[in-house]
Amino acid sequence: MLLISLISVLTWKRPQIAENVSAEEIHSDFYDVLLVLLDPYARNVINKEYPSRSYALWDAEILEIKRLTGGYSQYDFTVKVKYDTYTGPFNPPEGPITLTFLVTTEGVSVKEVQK
């Protein structure tokens, strides 16, 4: 429920990323709390597919938030997030995995995995 309420409160537009914009400027509190709430679902899918890979939330990027049904009190969303994965603390990146979450009042599920 908290996740649904948070998404519905957000009037979120993906920030335009300029060359000199810091991660702190991109990651607002709402942005970060959404990443934290989606994290258990992302971790489950990524660890199942790639048991040795990790990712960092500070490096995750929300690509899109889309309300599926219009109107007041409609709480069906898709949230697309790109996770840059790696193996080990100092190894080079393994590549991005993009997950599309379906977020409803019934819960959260992963709708699509793009490698």
Protein backbone atom coordinates (compact mmCIF):
# COMPACT_ATOMS: atom_id res chain seq x y z
CA MET A 1 0.00 0.00 0.00
CA LEU A 2 2.80 2.43 0.82
CA LEU A 3 4.33 1.87 -2.61
CA ILE A 4 1.00 2.55 -4.33
CA SER A 5 0.47 5.71 -2.29
CA LEU A 6 3.98 6.90 -3.02
CA ILE A 7 3.64 6.42 -6.76
CA SER A 8 0.25 8.09 -6.86
CA VAL A 9 1.61 11.12 -5.01
CA LEU A 10 4.50 11.54 -7.41
CA THR A 11 4.12 13.77 -10.37
CA TRP A 12 7.30 12.36 -11.70
CA LYS A 13 9.17 13.29 -14.81
CA ARG A 14 12.52 11.76 -15.53
CA PRO A 15 15.14 14.44 -15.03
CA GLN A 16 17.01 15.65 -18.05
CA ILE A 17 20.52 14.41 -17.50
CA ALA A 18 23.16 16.94 -18.44
CA GLU A 19 26.87 16.20 -18.45
CA ASN A 20 27.57 18.00 -15.18
CA VAL A 21 24.59 16.79 -13.11
CA SER A 22 25.54 14.81 -10.01
CA ALA A 23 23.85 11.63 -8.82
CA GLU A 24 22.64 13.55 -5.75
CA GLU A 25 20.71 15.95 -7.99
CA ILE A 26 19.05 13.11 -9.91
CA HIS A 27 18.12 11.00 -6.87
CA SER A 28 15.45 12.84 -4.91
CA ASP A 29 14.02 11.32 -1.75
CA PHE A 30 10.91 10.11 -3.64
CA TYR A 31 13.06 8.62 -6.37
CA ASP A 32 15.24 6.77 -3.87
CA VAL A 33 12.37 5.48 -1.74
CA LEU A 34 10.74 4.03 -4.86
CA LEU A 35 13.99 2.22 -5.72
CA VAL A 36 14.17 0.86 -2.16
CA LEU A 37 10.58 -0.39 -2.23
CA LEU A 38 11.11 -2.15 -5.58
CA ASP A 39 14.49 -3.57 -4.52
CA PRO A 40 13.28 -6.93 -3.06
CA TYR A 41 11.47 -7.74 -6.31
CA ALA A 42 14.45 -6.72 -8.46
CA ARG A 43 16.92 -8.61 -6.28
CA ASN A 44 14.78 -11.77 -6.48
CA VAL A 45 14.62 -11.72 -10.29
CA ILE A 46 18.26 -10.73 -10.85
CA ASN A 47 19.64 -13.24 -8.31
CA LYS A 48 17.50 -16.04 -9.76
CA GLU A 49 18.74 -15.37 -13.31
CA TYR A 50 22.32 -14.37 -12.37
CA PRO A 51 23.23 -15.69 -8.89
CA SER A 52 26.70 -14.13 -8.88
CA ARG A 53 25.68 -10.63 -10.00
CA SER A 54 25.05 -7.60 -7.84
CA TYR A 55 23.91 -4.03 -8.43
CA ALA A 56 23.88 -0.77 -6.53
CA LEU A 57 20.73 1.26 -5.97
CA TRP A 58 22.66 4.51 -6.31
CA ASP A 59 23.42 3.43 -9.88
CA ALA A 60 19.87 2.26 -10.76
CA GLU A 61 17.88 4.44 -13.12
CA ILE A 62 14.10 4.79 -13.25
CA LEU A 63 13.34 5.03 -16.95
CA GLU A 64 9.56 5.37 -16.87
CA ILE A 65 6.55 5.45 -14.61
CA LYS A 66 3.26 4.98 -16.41
CA ARG A 67 -0.26 5.04 -14.97
CA LEU A 68 -2.21 2.27 -16.70
CA THR A 69 -5.70 3.47 -15.89
CA GLY A 70 -6.75 7.10 -15.83
CA GLY A 71 -8.84 8.96 -13.37
CA TYR A 72 -9.00 9.60 -9.67
CA SER A 73 -8.27 6.63 -7.36
CA GLN A 74 -6.81 4.46 -10.11
CA TYR A 75 -3.61 2.87 -8.86
CA ASP A 76 -2.27 0.60 -11.60
CA PHE A 77 1.25 1.47 -12.76
CA THR A 78 4.21 0.13 -14.64
CA VAL A 79 7.64 1.22 -13.47
CA LYS A 80 10.65 0.55 -15.70
CA VAL A 81 14.05 0.49 -13.96
CA LYS A 82 17.53 -0.15 -15.38
CA TYR A 83 20.02 -1.89 -13.06
CA ASP A 84 23.71 -1.91 -13.98
CA THR A 85 24.97 -5.29 -12.81
CA TYR A 86 28.45 -6.45 -11.90
CA THR A 87 30.24 -9.43 -10.37
CA GLY A 88 32.49 -8.76 -7.40
CA PRO A 89 33.35 -5.42 -5.86
CA PHE A 90 36.03 -4.32 -8.35
CA ASN A 91 35.16 -6.22 -11.51
CA PRO A 92 33.95 -4.52 -14.67
CA PRO A 93 30.20 -4.22 -15.28
CA GLU A 94 28.33 -7.26 -16.57
CA GLY A 95 25.74 -5.16 -18.36
CA PRO A 96 22.37 -3.62 -17.66
CA ILE A 97 19.18 -5.48 -16.85
CA THR A 98 15.95 -3.54 -17.28
CA LEU A 99 12.94 -4.67 -15.27
CA THR A 100 9.37 -3.53 -15.80
CA PHE A 101 7.29 -3.81 -12.62
CA LEU A 102 3.52 -3.98 -12.48
CA VAL A 103 2.43 -2.10 -9.36
CA THR A 104 -1.20 -2.35 -8.22
CA THR A 105 -3.10 -2.29 -4.96
CA GLU A 106 -2.79 -6.09 -5.02
CA GLY A 107 1.01 -5.94 -4.94
CA VAL A 108 4.09 -5.76 -7.11
CA SER A 109 5.25 -8.19 -9.77
CA VAL A 110 7.90 -8.19 -12.47
CA LYS A 111 6.17 -7.96 -15.81
CA GLU A 112 9.19 -7.96 -18.13
CA VAL A 113 12.95 -8.60 -18.01
CA GLN A 114 15.19 -7.10 -20.70
CA LYS A 115 18.85 -8.12 -20.88
